Amino acid sequence: MWLGQGDTASNGTSELDLSGTSVVAYSGIADLAGGISFKNSATQVKLAFSQFDGLSRRDRVRYDTPTIAGFKGSTSFIQGDAWDAALRYSAEYEAIGTKITAAIAYAGGGQRFDFNQVNGSVSALHSSGLSLTFAAGTQDLDNRVSGDDPASYYIKGGYQFKPFSIGKTYLSADYATIDDLAAVGDEANSWGAFVVQKIDKIATELYFGYRNHELDRSGASNDDIRVVVAGLRVKF
């Protein structure tokens, strides 16, 4: 049982990722260059892209069940009559050399939010170093009287190996599509390629990546937003 500010039950359920490159790329497309606007629409990246990842961190009462056969259930209640619930699963299958983690969640907006939401993700890592990640989510918006509800789909392929003695190298490429989020009829697409190099002795990850953002909107011709990112993270 948890009481106070912290993760709601659904937070993180769209972001499970075993690729080893989540320091620079994961289903949260809007976390990179989110404040940049498409030239001809003034719509920011963060308004066109979302992974619908639960209710974030809030003042809440949360309960987690014990883990049983790899499954764990969670639910939380938030001020304003909002609530959420999630089911998580994690396991290693030694016979096929595969690790799997998955989650699915529901969030009811109540008086505080204007939507009901379903989302989830699954990621698998094989002993060969190959990984595959998928995430999806959709919102039922109370204030949208016509048109389709927004939906998000994300897929990533990865490979991790150790060509250098300093630490593992992680490679990944991903693709995301989000429909009807900023406006009815919108189709936002993004793809990217990324590399992360670990340096074990100094607990550091060096990363480099490229991401392209597209926004298709009826009656508008939006230039793509292209982003190159590089940096390092030290964890201790």
Protein backbone atom coordinates (compact mmCIF):
# COMPACT_ATOMS: atom_id res chain seq x y z
CA MET A 1 0.00 0.00 0.00
CA TRP A 2 1.31 3.44 -0.99
CA LEU A 3 -0.02 6.79 0.21
CA GLY A 4 1.11 10.22 -1.04
CA GLN A 5 2.66 11.55 -4.22
CA GLY A 6 4.16 8.96 -6.54
CA ASP A 7 3.57 6.72 -9.53
CA THR A 8 -0.03 5.85 -10.25
CA ALA A 9 -0.77 2.21 -11.05
CA SER A 10 -0.78 2.88 -14.80
CA ASN A 11 2.37 5.01 -14.97
CA GLY A 12 5.11 3.40 -17.07
CA THR A 13 2.85 0.76 -18.61
CA SER A 14 3.44 2.09 -22.16
CA GLU A 15 7.20 2.34 -21.71
CA LEU A 16 8.50 -1.20 -21.11
CA ASP A 17 11.65 -1.59 -23.20
CA LEU A 18 14.43 -4.21 -23.07
CA SER A 19 16.41 -2.82 -26.02
CA GLY A 20 18.96 -1.02 -23.82
CA THR A 21 18.46 2.24 -25.75
CA SER A 22 15.65 3.80 -23.73
CA VAL A 23 18.05 6.47 -22.45
CA VAL A 24 17.70 8.12 -25.88
CA ALA A 25 14.65 6.49 -27.52
CA TYR A 26 11.49 4.81 -26.31
CA SER A 27 7.73 5.06 -26.90
CA GLY A 28 7.64 8.61 -25.47
CA ILE A 29 8.35 10.31 -28.79
CA ALA A 30 7.38 13.73 -27.42
CA ASP A 31 10.17 13.65 -24.82
CA LEU A 32 12.67 14.48 -27.54
CA ALA A 33 12.15 17.92 -29.18
CA GLY A 34 8.63 18.12 -27.74
CA GLY A 35 8.56 21.92 -27.76
CA ILE A 36 9.43 22.35 -31.44
CA SER A 37 6.53 23.36 -33.70
CA PHE A 38 5.76 22.14 -37.20
CA LYS A 39 6.42 25.13 -39.46
CA ASN A 40 3.04 25.57 -41.15
CA SER A 41 0.69 24.56 -38.35
CA ALA A 42 2.26 25.86 -35.10
CA THR A 43 1.46 22.43 -33.61
CA GLN A 44 4.21 21.31 -31.26
CA VAL A 45 5.64 17.79 -31.34
CA LYS A 46 4.33 17.15 -27.82
CA LEU A 47 0.77 17.93 -28.99
CA ALA A 48 0.97 15.60 -32.01
CA PHE A 49 2.64 12.62 -30.30
CA SER A 50 1.72 10.67 -27.17
CA GLN A 51 2.17 7.12 -25.89
CA PHE A 52 -0.86 7.55 -23.54
CA ASP A 53 1.21 6.33 -20.62
CA GLY A 54 -1.22 6.23 -17.73
CA LEU A 55 -1.83 9.01 -15.19
CA SER A 56 1.81 9.86 -14.41
CA ARG A 57 2.76 10.80 -10.82
CA ARG A 58 -0.06 12.11 -8.62
CA ASP A 59 -1.24 12.37 -5.03
CA ARG A 60 -2.79 8.94 -4.72
CA VAL A 61 -3.57 5.84 -2.70
CA ARG A 62 -2.13 2.81 -4.49
CA TYR A 63 -2.18 -0.91 -3.82
CA ASP A 64 0.08 -3.52 -5.46
CA THR A 65 -0.61 -7.23 -5.16
CA PRO A 66 2.14 -9.75 -4.48
CA THR A 67 3.80 -11.15 -7.61
CA ILE A 68 2.24 -14.49 -8.52
CA ALA A 69 3.69 -16.55 -11.39
CA GLY A 70 5.21 -13.40 -12.82
CA PHE A 71 1.98 -11.35 -12.64
CA LYS A 72 1.39 -8.29 -10.46
CA GLY A 73 -1.80 -6.22 -10.26
CA SER A 74 -2.02 -2.57 -9.18
CA THR A 75 -4.74 0.02 -8.67
CA SER A 76 -4.76 3.60 -7.45
CA PHE A 77 -7.30 6.28 -6.57
CA ILE A 78 -6.58 9.93 -7.26
CA GLN A 79 -8.14 13.17 -6.08
CA GLY A 80 -10.95 14.26 -8.41
CA ASP A 81 -12.59 10.84 -8.71
CA ALA A 82 -9.91 9.51 -11.09
CA TRP A 83 -8.63 5.94 -10.80
CA ASP A 84 -6.56 3.42 -12.70
CA ALA A 85 -5.60 -0.23 -12.71
CA ALA A 86 -2.76 -2.18 -14.30
CA LEU A 87 -1.57 -5.73 -14.77
CA ARG A 88 2.16 -6.39 -15.22
CA TYR A 89 4.01 -9.54 -16.21
CA SER A 90 7.70 -10.41 -16.26
CA ALA A 91 9.41 -13.74 -16.84
CA GLU A 92 12.49 -15.45 -18.25
CA TYR A 93 12.07 -18.54 -20.40
CA GLU A 94 15.41 -20.32 -20.17
CA ALA A 95 14.41 -23.03 -22.65
CA ILE A 96 14.17 -20.48 -25.46
CA GLY A 97 16.63 -17.96 -24.00
CA THR A 98 14.07 -15.17 -23.86
CA LYS A 99 13.10 -12.53 -21.30
CA ILE A 100 9.65 -10.93 -21.57
CA THR A 101 8.05 -7.99 -19.79
CA ALA A 102 4.53 -6.71 -20.46
CA ALA A 103 1.86 -4.44 -19.01
CA ILE A 104 -1.69 -3.32 -19.74
CA ALA A 105 -3.60 -0.54 -17.99
CA TYR A 106 -6.93 1.28 -17.80
CA ALA A 107 -7.37 4.82 -16.50
CA GLY A 108 -10.70 6.50 -15.75
CA GLY A 109 -10.49 10.26 -15.80
CA GLY A 110 -13.32 11.02 -13.38
CA GLN A 111 -13.78 14.74 -12.69
CA ARG A 112 -10.06 15.54 -13.02
CA PHE A 113 -9.39 14.34 -16.58
CA ASP A 114 -11.56 14.45 -19.69
CA PHE A 115 -10.82 10.96 -20.97
CA ASN A 116 -10.87 7.24 -20.35
CA GLN A 117 -7.78 5.42 -21.55
CA VAL A 118 -6.45 1.95 -22.36
CA ASN A 119 -2.75 1.39 -23.01
CA GLY A 120 0.05 -1.13 -22.70
CA SER A 121 3.39 -2.40 -23.95
CA VAL A 122 5.39 -5.60 -24.33
CA SER A 123 9.11 -6.14 -24.85
CA ALA A 124 11.11 -9.31 -25.45
CA LEU A 125 14.88 -9.90 -25.41
CA HIS A 126 16.48 -13.05 -26.84
CA SER A 127 19.84 -14.42 -25.71
CA SER A 128 21.16 -13.68 -29.21
CA GLY A 129 20.88 -9.96 -28.38
CA LEU A 130 17.84 -9.34 -30.58
CA SER A 131 14.90 -7.50 -29.00
CA LEU A 132 11.43 -6.45 -30.08
CA THR A 133 9.20 -3.89 -28.37
CA PHE A 134 5.59 -2.88 -29.05
CA ALA A 135 3.34 -0.31 -27.36
CA ALA A 136 -0.17 0.98 -28.05
CA GLY A 137 -2.83 3.14 -26.47
CA THR A 138 -6.10 4.91 -27.11
CA GLN A 139 -8.23 7.57 -25.40
CA ASP A 140 -11.99 8.04 -25.28
CA LEU A 141 -12.24 11.84 -25.08
CA ASP A 142 -15.27 13.28 -23.31
CA ASN A 143 -15.03 16.66 -25.07
CA ARG A 144 -14.71 15.32 -28.64
CA VAL A 145 -18.16 15.22 -30.18
CA SER A 146 -17.16 13.92 -33.62
CA GLY A 147 -14.33 12.05 -35.28
CA ASP A 148 -12.20 9.14 -34.21
CA ASP A 149 -10.61 8.89 -30.78
CA PRO A 150 -6.81 9.31 -30.75
CA ALA A 151 -4.71 6.15 -30.93
CA SER A 152 -0.99 5.43 -30.76
CA TYR A 153 1.15 2.53 -32.04
CA TYR A 154 4.89 2.05 -31.54
CA ILE A 155 7.33 -0.67 -32.60
CA LYS A 156 11.09 -0.99 -32.04
CA GLY A 157 13.68 -3.54 -33.03
CA GLY A 158 17.02 -3.75 -31.25
CA TYR A 159 20.31 -5.63 -31.11
CA GLN A 160 22.87 -5.67 -28.29
CA PHE A 161 26.36 -7.15 -28.41
CA LYS A 162 29.85 -6.54 -27.04
CA PRO A 163 32.42 -5.71 -29.73
CA PHE A 164 34.51 -3.68 -27.25
CA SER A 165 35.85 -4.66 -23.84
CA ILE A 166 34.59 -1.41 -22.27
CA GLY A 167 30.96 -2.54 -22.33
CA LYS A 168 27.98 -3.52 -24.43
CA THR A 169 26.82 -1.73 -27.57
CA TYR A 170 23.09 -1.30 -28.15
CA LEU A 171 21.48 -0.55 -31.53
CA SER A 172 17.82 0.13 -32.25
CA ALA A 173 15.40 1.50 -34.82
CA ASP A 174 11.78 2.40 -34.18
CA TYR A 175 8.58 3.65 -35.81
CA ALA A 176 5.51 5.31 -34.28
CA THR A 177 2.17 6.49 -35.64
CA ILE A 178 -0.40 8.56 -33.74
CA ASP A 179 -3.82 9.36 -35.20
CA ASP A 180 -6.28 12.16 -34.39
CA LEU A 181 -4.46 13.58 -31.37
CA ALA A 182 -3.86 17.30 -31.92
CA ALA A 183 -6.83 17.50 -34.34
CA VAL A 184 -9.35 15.12 -35.89
CA GLY A 185 -7.88 13.67 -39.06
CA ASP A 186 -4.24 14.18 -38.07
CA GLU A 187 -1.70 11.43 -38.73
CA ALA A 188 1.65 11.90 -37.02
CA ASN A 189 4.49 9.52 -37.85
CA SER A 190 8.03 9.23 -36.52
CA TRP A 191 10.99 6.97 -37.15
CA GLY A 192 14.49 6.93 -35.71
CA ALA A 193 17.78 5.08 -35.39
CA PHE A 194 19.93 5.04 -32.24
CA VAL A 195 23.13 3.68 -30.71
CA VAL A 196 24.17 3.46 -27.06
CA GLN A 197 27.65 2.49 -25.86
CA LYS A 198 28.17 1.52 -22.23
CA ILE A 199 31.43 2.19 -20.42
CA ASP A 200 31.16 -0.12 -17.44
CA LYS A 201 34.11 1.12 -15.38
CA ILE A 202 32.70 4.64 -15.09
CA ALA A 203 28.99 3.66 -15.13
CA THR A 204 28.40 5.78 -18.24
CA GLU A 205 26.22 5.44 -21.33
CA LEU A 206 27.20 7.35 -24.47
CA TYR A 207 24.31 7.80 -26.91
CA PHE A 208 23.66 9.13 -30.38
CA GLY A 209 20.49 9.17 -32.44
CA TYR A 210 18.41 10.61 -35.24
CA ARG A 211 14.63 11.06 -35.30
CA ASN A 212 12.27 12.27 -38.02
CA HIS A 213 8.79 13.64 -37.23
CA GLU A 214 5.97 13.98 -39.79
CA LEU A 215 2.52 15.54 -39.40
CA ASP A 216 -0.10 14.95 -42.08
CA ARG A 217 -3.08 17.32 -41.73
CA SER A 218 -5.81 18.07 -44.23
CA GLY A 219 -5.38 21.50 -45.81
CA ALA A 220 -1.83 21.98 -44.48
CA SER A 221 1.62 21.16 -45.79
CA ASN A 222 3.91 20.66 -42.81
CA ASP A 223 7.66 20.33 -43.12
CA ASP A 224 9.19 17.39 -41.27
CA ILE A 225 11.10 18.01 -38.05
CA ARG A 226 14.48 16.26 -38.01
CA VAL A 227 16.43 15.92 -34.77
CA VAL A 228 19.97 14.73 -34.05
CA VAL A 229 20.82 14.06 -30.41
CA ALA A 230 24.03 13.05 -28.64
CA GLY A 231 25.06 12.91 -25.00
CA LEU A 232 26.00 10.75 -22.05
CA ARG A 233 24.43 9.57 -18.83
CA VAL A 234 26.30 8.64 -15.68
CA LYS A 235 24.44 6.39 -13.22
CA PHE A 236 25.71 5.87 -9.70
